[in-house]
Amino acid sequence: MNPSQPARKLPRRTFLRGMGSVIALPFLESLVPLQSLKAAAQSGHPTAPTRMAFIYHPNGVIQDNWNAGAAGRLTNDLTRTLKPLDPLRRYVNVISGLEHKRANGNGDGPGDHARATATFLTGAQAKKTGGKDIQLGRSFDQVAADHLSNGSRFRSLELSATNARSSGTCDSGYSCAYQYNIAWQNERSPLPPQVNPRDVFKQLFGASDPKELALMEHRMLRQKSILDTLRNDTARLNRKISSEDRDQLEEYYTSLRAVEHRLQTKAFDPNDIPKDIQLPIGIPANYSEYLDAMYDLMLLAFQTDSTRVITFLQAHDGSGRSFPELGIHSGHHQLSHHRGDVGKIEDLKAIDEFYLQAFARFLEKLSKTPDGANRTLADSCMLVYGGAISDGNRHKHNNLPVILAGGAVEGNRHLIYKDEPMCNLYCAMLEKAGGTVPRFGDSSGALVGI
């Protein structure tokens, strides 16, 4: 997490503080001065800020199952992989024809998985090195944070559901820093993601004072809620806000308790930890629950305006994770080199669907979470879901699997381009959010039609 700048004129956040906790509340319209709401309406600026998230899908997809049909409105019969998004199609754009040329070798030989993860948000060619002399480029999430983070508690939030590594040699002589980080502060400094949902929860809802954080950890171990310390303040707050805001606050508390309970009760059995990954206590044993825990924390971070920019590496490219919950015991990377094997292809279809189901659950929760009058969190979001490898069997980096979701852009579309840089999408997103970035990475301009 990165600290942010001073608050905006129109307040979005209110805090309640108890022993070992500081709770940022969701946007409650009745706490905003009437003149501020009128001024915002007259200026044309919405009361809800734009939020962006970038979610990485590893090892490519089975493209026949990703195909969204002809350009235009999404068809009524989405393919198996995209089917989980069907009820949310009003928020969904499937984008075809984008590429990351700098994920190719370009003279550097093998290492497509490391380059894919590295290039996804930077559009830059990773210097081939396994040492400390790494060199890449600033990632787009940090550019977006320059424009969006003013007034939020944290400049950005970096998450991962894989083990975090920023040194050592990984794929074909490339530093592990490339393969395990999608957020980069500058060309030499990755922003290591947090992998433990429990630590993220403490960061978001605990105070910065070490003593208060210790109290919070003690309370979590005793299965107590952070809300227990805030009863008096909550009662006073309820007397000041409207009935609609009270309902919204209760919904927020309910979701907070649900996340808290999951983190208190779900942890790895040491015998269940995969051999290739060392995971700290507090990470759910079931991978689906792990993804849900991270997505729920993303929702809470947006809901409380703790941050407006999030990156989530579901798994690094080249991940060998197996999926016993799907009955799949071979590693994802191994399966991705299927060479036409029908059984492996079916397993890969199931894995692709598994990841999209988790994303769909997140988008559905956003669409049901109030964010001011007649708005939901989904309405202010631009969410990029995708990866920098299209065909894992051949390590292709063109016609990438990309979804742009959220109500901050028109939805229910299949947008088809021809060999457009992925970075053009990022430029277009920032324009939609009211910012400008003429060029980024290998962009040639803003993507038309977003």
Protein backbone atom coordinates (compact mmCIF):
# COMPACT_ATOMS: atom_id res chain seq x y z
CA MET A 1 0.00 0.00 0.00
CA ASN A 2 1.14 3.50 -0.78
CA PRO A 3 0.12 6.53 1.32
CA SER A 4 -1.80 9.24 -0.44
CA GLN A 5 -2.12 12.99 -0.58
CA PRO A 6 -4.42 15.45 1.28
CA ALA A 7 -8.17 15.07 1.12
CA ARG A 8 -10.43 16.54 -1.57
CA LYS A 9 -12.92 19.31 -0.92
CA LEU A 10 -15.93 17.01 -1.16
CA PRO A 11 -15.54 14.53 1.71
CA ARG A 12 -15.93 10.86 0.91
CA ARG A 13 -14.68 9.31 4.12
CA THR A 14 -15.70 9.34 7.76
CA PHE A 15 -13.82 7.39 10.42
CA LEU A 16 -14.80 5.66 13.62
CA ARG A 17 -11.95 4.87 15.99
CA GLY A 18 -11.81 2.25 18.73
CA MET A 19 -9.03 0.49 20.58
CA GLY A 20 -6.96 -1.29 17.93
CA SER A 21 -9.11 -0.25 14.99
CA VAL A 22 -9.90 2.71 12.81
CA ILE A 23 -12.88 2.15 10.53
CA ALA A 24 -13.25 4.12 7.34
CA LEU A 25 -16.97 4.26 6.62
CA PRO A 26 -18.66 4.02 3.22
CA PHE A 27 -19.96 7.16 1.57
CA LEU A 28 -22.96 8.38 3.60
CA GLU A 29 -24.72 11.16 1.75
CA SER A 30 -26.44 12.59 4.80
CA LEU A 31 -23.04 13.45 6.30
CA VAL A 32 -22.02 15.56 3.32
CA PRO A 33 -22.91 19.26 3.66
CA LEU A 34 -25.79 20.16 1.36
CA GLN A 35 -23.82 22.98 -0.22
CA SER A 36 -21.08 20.51 -1.17
CA LEU A 37 -23.55 18.23 -2.90
CA LYS A 38 -25.06 21.18 -4.76
CA ALA A 39 -21.64 22.42 -5.80
CA ALA A 40 -20.68 18.97 -7.06
CA ALA A 41 -23.90 18.73 -9.07
CA GLN A 42 -23.43 22.19 -10.56
CA SER A 43 -19.80 21.50 -11.48
CA GLY A 44 -20.74 18.30 -13.28
CA HIS A 45 -18.38 16.23 -11.12
CA PRO A 46 -20.01 13.11 -9.63
CA THR A 47 -19.87 12.56 -5.91
CA ALA A 48 -18.42 9.07 -6.48
CA PRO A 49 -14.77 8.94 -7.59
CA THR A 50 -13.58 6.63 -10.34
CA ARG A 51 -12.06 3.39 -9.11
CA MET A 52 -9.75 1.16 -11.14
CA ALA A 53 -8.59 -2.40 -10.58
CA PHE A 54 -6.31 -4.59 -12.66
CA ILE A 55 -6.67 -8.36 -12.24
CA TYR A 56 -4.19 -10.78 -13.83
CA HIS A 57 -5.20 -14.11 -15.38
CA PRO A 58 -2.19 -16.47 -15.77
CA ASN A 59 -1.05 -18.85 -18.52
CA GLY A 60 -3.40 -17.79 -21.30
CA VAL A 61 -6.85 -19.17 -22.09
CA ILE A 62 -8.50 -21.70 -24.37
CA GLN A 63 -9.45 -19.16 -26.98
CA ASP A 64 -12.38 -21.03 -28.54
CA ASN A 65 -14.04 -20.81 -25.14
CA TRP A 66 -13.21 -17.11 -24.81
CA ASN A 67 -14.59 -16.05 -28.20
CA ALA A 68 -17.43 -13.57 -27.70
CA GLY A 69 -18.73 -13.72 -31.28
CA ALA A 70 -19.21 -10.80 -33.65
CA ALA A 71 -18.46 -7.19 -32.78
CA GLY A 72 -21.28 -5.24 -31.16
CA ARG A 73 -23.65 -6.28 -28.42
CA LEU A 74 -22.70 -9.47 -26.60
CA THR A 75 -24.51 -12.50 -27.91
CA ASN A 76 -27.25 -14.16 -25.90
CA ASP A 77 -25.25 -17.38 -25.77
CA LEU A 78 -21.87 -16.62 -24.21
CA THR A 79 -19.22 -19.32 -24.29
CA ARG A 80 -18.52 -21.48 -21.26
CA THR A 81 -15.61 -19.36 -19.98
CA LEU A 82 -17.54 -16.09 -20.23
CA LYS A 83 -20.88 -17.53 -19.06
CA PRO A 84 -20.38 -16.53 -15.39
CA LEU A 85 -20.54 -12.88 -16.52
CA ASP A 86 -23.85 -13.31 -18.36
CA PRO A 87 -26.09 -11.85 -15.59
CA LEU A 88 -23.73 -8.85 -15.40
CA ARG A 89 -23.32 -8.20 -19.11
CA ARG A 90 -24.49 -4.58 -18.74
CA TYR A 91 -21.14 -3.96 -17.02
CA VAL A 92 -19.00 -6.11 -19.31
CA ASN A 93 -16.92 -5.39 -22.41
CA VAL A 94 -14.98 -8.24 -23.98
CA ILE A 95 -12.08 -6.72 -25.93
CA SER A 96 -10.34 -8.65 -28.72
CA GLY A 97 -7.30 -7.78 -30.80
CA LEU A 98 -5.03 -6.19 -28.19
CA GLU A 99 -1.37 -7.18 -27.95
CA HIS A 100 1.79 -6.77 -25.89
CA LYS A 101 4.67 -6.85 -28.40
CA ARG A 102 7.22 -6.28 -25.65
CA ALA A 103 6.27 -9.56 -24.02
CA ASN A 104 7.87 -11.25 -27.03
CA GLY A 105 11.54 -12.23 -26.88
CA ASN A 106 12.65 -9.49 -29.28
CA GLY A 107 16.11 -11.01 -29.31
CA ASP A 108 16.17 -12.10 -25.66
CA GLY A 109 15.18 -15.74 -26.23
CA PRO A 110 12.86 -17.71 -23.90
CA GLY A 111 11.18 -16.30 -20.81
CA ASP A 112 7.66 -15.55 -22.04
CA HIS A 113 6.01 -16.05 -18.65
CA ALA A 114 8.28 -13.61 -16.83
CA ARG A 115 7.91 -11.08 -19.64
CA ALA A 116 4.12 -11.49 -19.72
CA THR A 117 3.64 -10.66 -16.04
CA ALA A 118 6.16 -7.83 -16.28
CA THR A 119 4.70 -6.25 -19.41
CA PHE A 120 1.00 -6.50 -18.52
CA LEU A 121 0.77 -3.08 -16.83
CA THR A 122 4.01 -1.49 -18.02
CA GLY A 123 4.08 -2.06 -21.77
CA ALA A 124 7.86 -2.21 -21.35
CA GLN A 125 10.53 -4.73 -22.34
CA ALA A 126 12.06 -6.35 -19.27
CA LYS A 127 15.85 -6.32 -19.20
CA LYS A 128 16.96 -9.94 -19.16
CA THR A 129 18.80 -10.35 -15.90
CA GLY A 130 18.63 -12.53 -12.83
CA GLY A 131 20.54 -10.04 -10.72
CA LYS A 132 19.84 -6.76 -8.99
CA ASP A 133 20.12 -4.72 -12.19
CA ILE A 134 16.45 -5.16 -13.08
CA GLN A 135 14.95 -2.61 -15.45
CA LEU A 136 11.37 -2.39 -16.66
CA GLY A 137 9.10 0.65 -16.46
CA ARG A 138 6.46 2.36 -14.37
CA SER A 139 3.15 0.53 -14.34
CA PHE A 140 -0.12 2.09 -15.41
CA ASP A 141 -1.80 1.61 -12.03
CA GLN A 142 0.68 4.13 -10.62
CA VAL A 143 -0.06 6.58 -13.42
CA ALA A 144 -3.76 6.16 -12.66
CA ALA A 145 -3.08 6.74 -8.96
CA ASP A 146 -1.44 10.06 -9.85
CA HIS A 147 -4.84 11.21 -11.12
CA LEU A 148 -7.29 9.34 -8.88
CA SER A 149 -5.83 8.93 -5.41
CA ASN A 150 -6.18 12.48 -4.05
CA GLY A 151 -8.43 12.13 -1.01
CA SER A 152 -8.15 8.38 -0.53
CA ARG A 153 -6.30 6.92 2.42
CA PHE A 154 -3.84 4.85 0.38
CA ARG A 155 -2.42 5.78 -2.99
CA SER A 156 -2.77 2.19 -4.25
CA LEU A 157 -3.20 -1.36 -3.03
CA GLU A 158 -1.19 -4.30 -4.36
CA LEU A 159 -2.51 -7.83 -3.78
CA SER A 160 -1.54 -11.33 -4.85
CA ALA A 161 -2.81 -14.86 -4.31
CA THR A 162 0.58 -16.35 -5.01
CA ASN A 163 3.85 -16.24 -3.12
CA ALA A 164 5.66 -12.89 -3.25
CA ARG A 165 9.20 -12.77 -4.65
CA SER A 166 11.32 -9.79 -5.64
CA SER A 167 14.75 -11.40 -6.03
CA GLY A 168 16.41 -14.54 -7.34
CA THR A 169 16.26 -16.05 -10.81
CA CYS A 170 13.05 -17.54 -12.20
CA ASP A 171 11.88 -18.07 -15.78
CA SER A 172 14.76 -18.64 -18.23
CA GLY A 173 17.21 -16.30 -16.52
CA TYR A 174 14.78 -13.50 -15.69
CA SER A 175 14.64 -12.07 -12.18
CA CYS A 176 11.72 -13.30 -10.09
CA ALA A 177 10.84 -9.62 -9.60
CA TYR A 178 9.43 -9.61 -13.13
CA GLN A 179 7.33 -12.73 -12.77
CA TYR A 180 5.80 -12.02 -9.35
CA ASN A 181 5.01 -8.28 -9.55
CA ILE A 182 2.65 -6.41 -11.87
CA ALA A 183 2.86 -3.04 -10.09
CA TRP A 184 6.06 -1.00 -10.51
CA GLN A 185 6.79 2.34 -8.86
CA ASN A 186 9.53 3.04 -11.39
CA GLU A 187 11.73 1.10 -13.79
CA ARG A 188 13.80 -0.46 -11.01
CA SER A 189 11.33 -0.72 -8.11
CA PRO A 190 8.46 -3.22 -8.07
CA LEU A 191 5.70 -2.72 -5.50
CA PRO A 192 5.57 -6.12 -3.77
CA PRO A 193 1.98 -7.30 -3.28
CA GLN A 194 0.46 -8.42 0.00
CA VAL A 195 -0.48 -12.11 -0.06
CA ASN A 196 -2.09 -12.54 3.36
CA PRO A 197 -5.72 -11.35 3.59
CA ARG A 198 -5.38 -11.06 7.35
CA ASP A 199 -2.55 -8.54 6.98
CA VAL A 200 -4.52 -6.56 4.39
CA PHE A 201 -7.49 -6.44 6.74
CA LYS A 202 -5.32 -5.14 9.57
CA GLN A 203 -3.80 -2.56 7.25
CA LEU A 204 -7.21 -1.32 6.13
CA PHE A 205 -8.99 -1.40 9.47
CA GLY A 206 -6.27 -1.27 12.09
CA ALA A 207 -4.49 1.86 13.24
CA SER A 208 -0.89 2.58 12.32
CA ASP A 209 0.25 2.54 15.95
CA PRO A 210 1.99 -0.81 16.70
CA LYS A 211 0.21 -1.15 20.05
CA GLU A 212 -3.20 -0.77 18.44
CA LEU A 213 -2.27 -3.27 15.73
CA ALA A 214 -1.24 -5.71 18.45
CA LEU A 215 -4.61 -5.23 20.15
CA MET A 216 -6.36 -5.89 16.87
CA GLU A 217 -4.40 -9.12 16.33
CA HIS A 218 -5.23 -10.23 19.89
CA ARG A 219 -8.91 -9.54 19.29
CA MET A 220 -8.90 -11.49 16.01
CA LEU A 221 -7.31 -14.47 17.73
CA ARG A 222 -10.10 -14.37 20.33
CA GLN A 223 -12.70 -14.33 17.52
CA LYS A 224 -13.85 -10.82 18.46
CA SER A 225 -15.06 -8.25 15.95
CA ILE A 226 -13.46 -4.84 15.45
CA LEU A 227 -17.03 -3.52 15.58
CA ASP A 228 -17.29 -4.49 19.26
CA THR A 229 -15.11 -1.50 20.16
CA LEU A 230 -17.26 0.92 18.15
CA ARG A 231 -20.75 0.35 19.53
CA ASN A 232 -21.10 3.72 21.23
CA ASP A 233 -19.75 5.65 18.26
CA THR A 234 -22.01 3.69 15.91
CA ALA A 235 -25.06 4.50 18.05
CA ARG A 236 -24.21 8.21 17.98
CA LEU A 237 -23.62 8.10 14.23
CA ASN A 238 -26.97 6.39 13.61
CA ARG A 239 -28.74 9.31 15.26
CA LYS A 240 -27.15 11.72 12.75
CA ILE A 241 -27.79 9.94 9.47
CA SER A 242 -30.82 9.16 7.35
CA SER A 243 -32.66 5.85 7.41
CA GLU A 244 -31.25 5.06 3.93
CA ASP A 245 -27.71 5.65 5.21
CA ARG A 246 -28.42 3.52 8.30
CA ASP A 247 -29.42 0.64 6.02
CA GLN A 248 -26.28 1.15 3.98
CA LEU A 249 -24.12 1.25 7.10
CA GLU A 250 -25.65 -1.99 8.38
CA GLU A 251 -24.97 -3.67 5.03
CA TYR A 252 -21.37 -2.51 5.23
CA TYR A 253 -20.99 -3.82 8.78
CA THR A 254 -22.47 -7.16 7.68
CA SER A 255 -19.93 -7.52 4.87
CA LEU A 256 -17.14 -6.45 7.23
CA ARG A 257 -18.14 -9.10 9.76
CA ALA A 258 -18.28 -11.74 7.01
CA VAL A 259 -14.73 -11.01 5.85
CA GLU A 260 -13.52 -10.84 9.44
CA HIS A 261 -15.10 -14.19 10.27
CA ARG A 262 -13.52 -15.84 7.23
CA LEU A 263 -10.07 -14.60 8.20
CA GLN A 264 -10.54 -15.74 11.80
CA THR A 265 -11.62 -19.26 10.93
CA LYS A 266 -9.96 -20.23 7.65
CA ALA A 267 -6.25 -21.02 7.60
CA PHE A 268 -3.97 -23.51 5.86
CA ASP A 269 -3.25 -26.85 7.39
CA PRO A 270 0.54 -27.13 6.99
CA ASN A 271 0.05 -30.45 5.20
CA ASP A 272 -2.10 -28.73 2.56
CA ILE A 273 0.42 -26.04 1.60
CA PRO A 274 1.70 -26.62 -1.96
CA LYS A 275 5.37 -27.58 -2.07
CA ASP A 276 6.33 -24.64 -4.29
CA ILE A 277 4.86 -21.95 -2.08
CA GLN A 278 5.33 -20.79 1.49
CA LEU A 279 2.16 -19.13 2.73
CA PRO A 280 1.67 -17.29 6.01
CA ILE A 281 -1.05 -18.07 8.53
CA GLY A 282 -4.33 -16.38 7.72
CA ILE A 283 -4.64 -17.50 4.09
CA PRO A 284 -7.74 -19.64 3.41
CA ALA A 285 -7.01 -23.29 2.69
CA ASN A 286 -9.36 -23.42 -0.28
CA TYR A 287 -8.11 -21.45 -3.31
CA SER A 288 -11.62 -20.29 -4.24
CA GLU A 289 -12.05 -18.90 -0.72
CA TYR A 290 -8.62 -17.29 -0.98
CA LEU A 291 -9.63 -15.44 -4.15
CA ASP A 292 -12.96 -14.45 -2.59
CA ALA A 293 -11.20 -13.12 0.51
CA MET A 294 -8.97 -10.90 -1.63
CA TYR A 295 -11.86 -9.73 -3.79
CA ASP A 296 -13.93 -8.94 -0.68
CA LEU A 297 -11.07 -6.85 0.69
CA MET A 298 -10.90 -5.03 -2.63
CA LEU A 299 -14.60 -4.25 -2.34
CA LEU A 300 -14.19 -2.98 1.23
CA ALA A 301 -11.22 -0.83 0.19
CA PHE A 302 -13.29 0.77 -2.57
CA GLN A 303 -16.40 1.05 -0.40
CA THR A 304 -14.56 2.97 2.31
CA ASP A 305 -12.59 5.02 -0.24
CA SER A 306 -9.41 3.69 1.36
CA THR A 307 -7.94 3.47 -2.13
CA ARG A 308 -9.11 3.93 -5.71
CA VAL A 309 -6.46 1.87 -7.49
CA ILE A 310 -5.85 -1.86 -6.90
CA THR A 311 -3.78 -4.53 -8.62
CA PHE A 312 -4.48 -8.21 -8.03
CA LEU A 313 -2.16 -10.94 -9.28
CA GLN A 314 -4.37 -14.03 -8.96
CA ALA A 315 -1.34 -16.16 -9.89
CA HIS A 316 1.91 -15.35 -11.62
CA ASP A 317 2.35 -16.34 -15.23
CA GLY A 318 3.96 -19.76 -15.35
CA SER A 319 2.13 -20.77 -12.15
CA GLY A 320 2.10 -24.51 -11.59
CA ARG A 321 -0.85 -24.40 -9.18
CA SER A 322 -3.12 -27.43 -9.25
CA PHE A 323 -6.87 -27.27 -8.65
CA PRO A 324 -7.93 -30.19 -6.44
CA GLU A 325 -11.31 -28.50 -5.86
CA LEU A 326 -11.92 -29.08 -9.59
CA GLY A 327 -10.46 -32.57 -9.54
CA ILE A 328 -7.41 -31.27 -11.44
CA HIS A 329 -4.11 -32.39 -9.94
CA SER A 330 -1.73 -31.44 -12.75
CA GLY A 331 -0.15 -28.00 -12.63
CA HIS A 332 -1.72 -25.15 -14.61
CA HIS A 333 1.49 -24.35 -16.51
CA GLN A 334 2.06 -27.99 -17.41
CA LEU A 335 -1.50 -28.26 -18.72
CA SER A 336 -1.18 -25.04 -20.74
CA HIS A 337 1.32 -26.82 -23.03
CA HIS A 338 -1.44 -29.20 -24.07
CA ARG A 339 -0.29 -29.93 -27.67
CA GLY A 340 -3.88 -30.62 -28.61
CA ASP A 341 -4.53 -33.17 -25.85
CA VAL A 342 -8.31 -33.14 -25.42
CA GLY A 343 -8.20 -34.05 -21.72
CA LYS A 344 -5.76 -31.26 -20.91
CA ILE A 345 -7.81 -28.77 -22.92
CA GLU A 346 -10.93 -29.69 -20.93
CA ASP A 347 -9.02 -29.16 -17.69
CA LEU A 348 -7.86 -25.76 -18.93
CA LYS A 349 -11.43 -24.78 -19.81
CA ALA A 350 -12.45 -25.62 -16.25
CA ILE A 351 -9.59 -23.52 -14.83
CA ASP A 352 -10.46 -20.53 -17.03
CA GLU A 353 -14.09 -20.80 -15.92
CA PHE A 354 -13.00 -21.09 -12.27
CA TYR A 355 -11.13 -17.77 -12.44
CA LEU A 356 -13.99 -16.02 -14.26
CA GLN A 357 -16.48 -17.28 -11.66
CA ALA A 358 -14.45 -15.61 -8.91
CA PHE A 359 -14.29 -12.36 -10.87
CA ALA A 360 -18.04 -12.53 -11.56
CA ARG A 361 -18.77 -12.93 -7.85
CA PHE A 362 -16.72 -9.80 -7.18
CA LEU A 363 -18.48 -7.80 -9.90
CA GLU A 364 -21.89 -8.95 -8.65
CA LYS A 365 -21.08 -7.80 -5.10
CA LEU A 366 -19.94 -4.42 -6.44
CA SER A 367 -23.24 -4.13 -8.32
CA LYS A 368 -25.19 -4.70 -5.10
CA THR A 369 -23.17 -2.37 -2.84
CA PRO A 370 -24.69 1.13 -2.49
CA ASP A 371 -22.45 4.12 -3.12
CA GLY A 372 -24.61 7.16 -2.56
CA ALA A 373 -28.09 7.86 -3.86
CA ASN A 374 -29.17 5.54 -6.68
CA ARG A 375 -25.63 4.34 -7.31
CA THR A 376 -23.60 1.23 -6.63
CA LEU A 377 -19.86 0.71 -6.42
CA ALA A 378 -19.90 -0.99 -9.82
CA ASP A 379 -21.16 2.24 -11.41
CA SER A 380 -17.91 4.07 -10.70
CA CYS A 381 -15.50 1.24 -11.55
CA MET A 382 -13.25 0.40 -14.46
CA LEU A 383 -11.93 -3.12 -13.94
CA VAL A 384 -9.42 -4.68 -16.30
CA TYR A 385 -9.36 -8.47 -16.18
CA GLY A 386 -6.89 -10.26 -18.42
CA GLY A 387 -3.37 -11.47 -19.09
CA ALA A 388 -0.40 -10.92 -21.40
CA ILE A 389 -0.47 -14.43 -22.89
CA SER A 390 -3.35 -15.46 -25.13
CA ASP A 391 -2.41 -19.00 -26.12
CA GLY A 392 -0.41 -20.72 -23.38
CA ASN A 393 0.43 -23.63 -25.66
CA ARG A 394 2.31 -21.36 -28.08
CA HIS A 395 3.20 -18.43 -25.82
CA LYS A 396 1.39 -15.91 -28.01
CA HIS A 397 1.09 -12.30 -26.87
CA ASN A 398 -1.45 -11.04 -29.41
CA ASN A 399 -5.26 -11.16 -29.34
CA LEU A 400 -5.02 -11.12 -25.57
CA PRO A 401 -7.90 -12.18 -23.29
CA VAL A 402 -9.15 -8.84 -21.95
CA ILE A 403 -12.32 -7.74 -20.18
CA LEU A 404 -13.12 -4.16 -19.24
CA ALA A 405 -15.92 -4.16 -16.68
CA GLY A 406 -17.76 -1.59 -14.59
CA GLY A 407 -20.34 1.12 -15.04
CA ALA A 408 -17.84 3.93 -15.63
CA VAL A 409 -17.88 2.86 -19.30
CA GLU A 410 -20.67 1.61 -21.56
CA GLY A 411 -21.08 -2.17 -21.29
CA ASN A 412 -22.57 -5.24 -22.95
CA ARG A 413 -20.20 -5.03 -25.93
CA HIS A 414 -17.66 -7.08 -27.81
CA LEU A 415 -15.05 -4.63 -29.08
CA ILE A 416 -12.75 -5.98 -31.80
CA TYR A 417 -9.49 -4.32 -32.80
CA LYS A 418 -6.56 -5.42 -34.94
CA ASP A 419 -3.15 -5.58 -33.29
CA GLU A 420 -3.67 -2.55 -31.03
CA PRO A 421 -1.24 -2.07 -28.13
CA MET A 422 -2.79 -2.98 -24.79
CA CYS A 423 -1.43 0.32 -23.50
CA ASN A 424 -3.86 2.15 -25.80
CA LEU A 425 -6.66 0.79 -23.61
CA TYR A 426 -4.98 2.25 -20.53
CA CYS A 427 -4.72 5.67 -22.16
CA ALA A 428 -8.42 5.53 -23.06
CA MET A 429 -9.37 4.57 -19.50
CA LEU A 430 -7.56 7.56 -18.06
CA GLU A 431 -9.29 9.85 -20.56
CA LYS A 432 -12.64 8.43 -19.44
CA ALA A 433 -11.67 9.22 -15.85
CA GLY A 434 -10.93 12.84 -16.74
CA GLY A 435 -7.15 12.55 -16.93
CA THR A 436 -4.72 12.72 -19.80
CA VAL A 437 -1.70 10.64 -20.72
CA PRO A 438 -0.80 11.11 -24.40
CA ARG A 439 1.54 8.13 -24.42
CA PHE A 440 2.27 5.26 -22.05
CA GLY A 441 4.51 2.22 -22.51
CA ASP A 442 4.31 1.26 -26.18
CA SER A 443 1.00 3.06 -26.78
CA SER A 444 0.26 4.82 -30.05
CA GLY A 445 -2.68 6.80 -28.63
CA ALA A 446 -5.96 6.24 -26.81
CA LEU A 447 -8.03 3.25 -27.93
CA VAL A 448 -11.02 4.50 -29.92
CA GLY A 449 -14.52 3.38 -28.98
CA ILE A 450 -14.11 2.79 -25.25
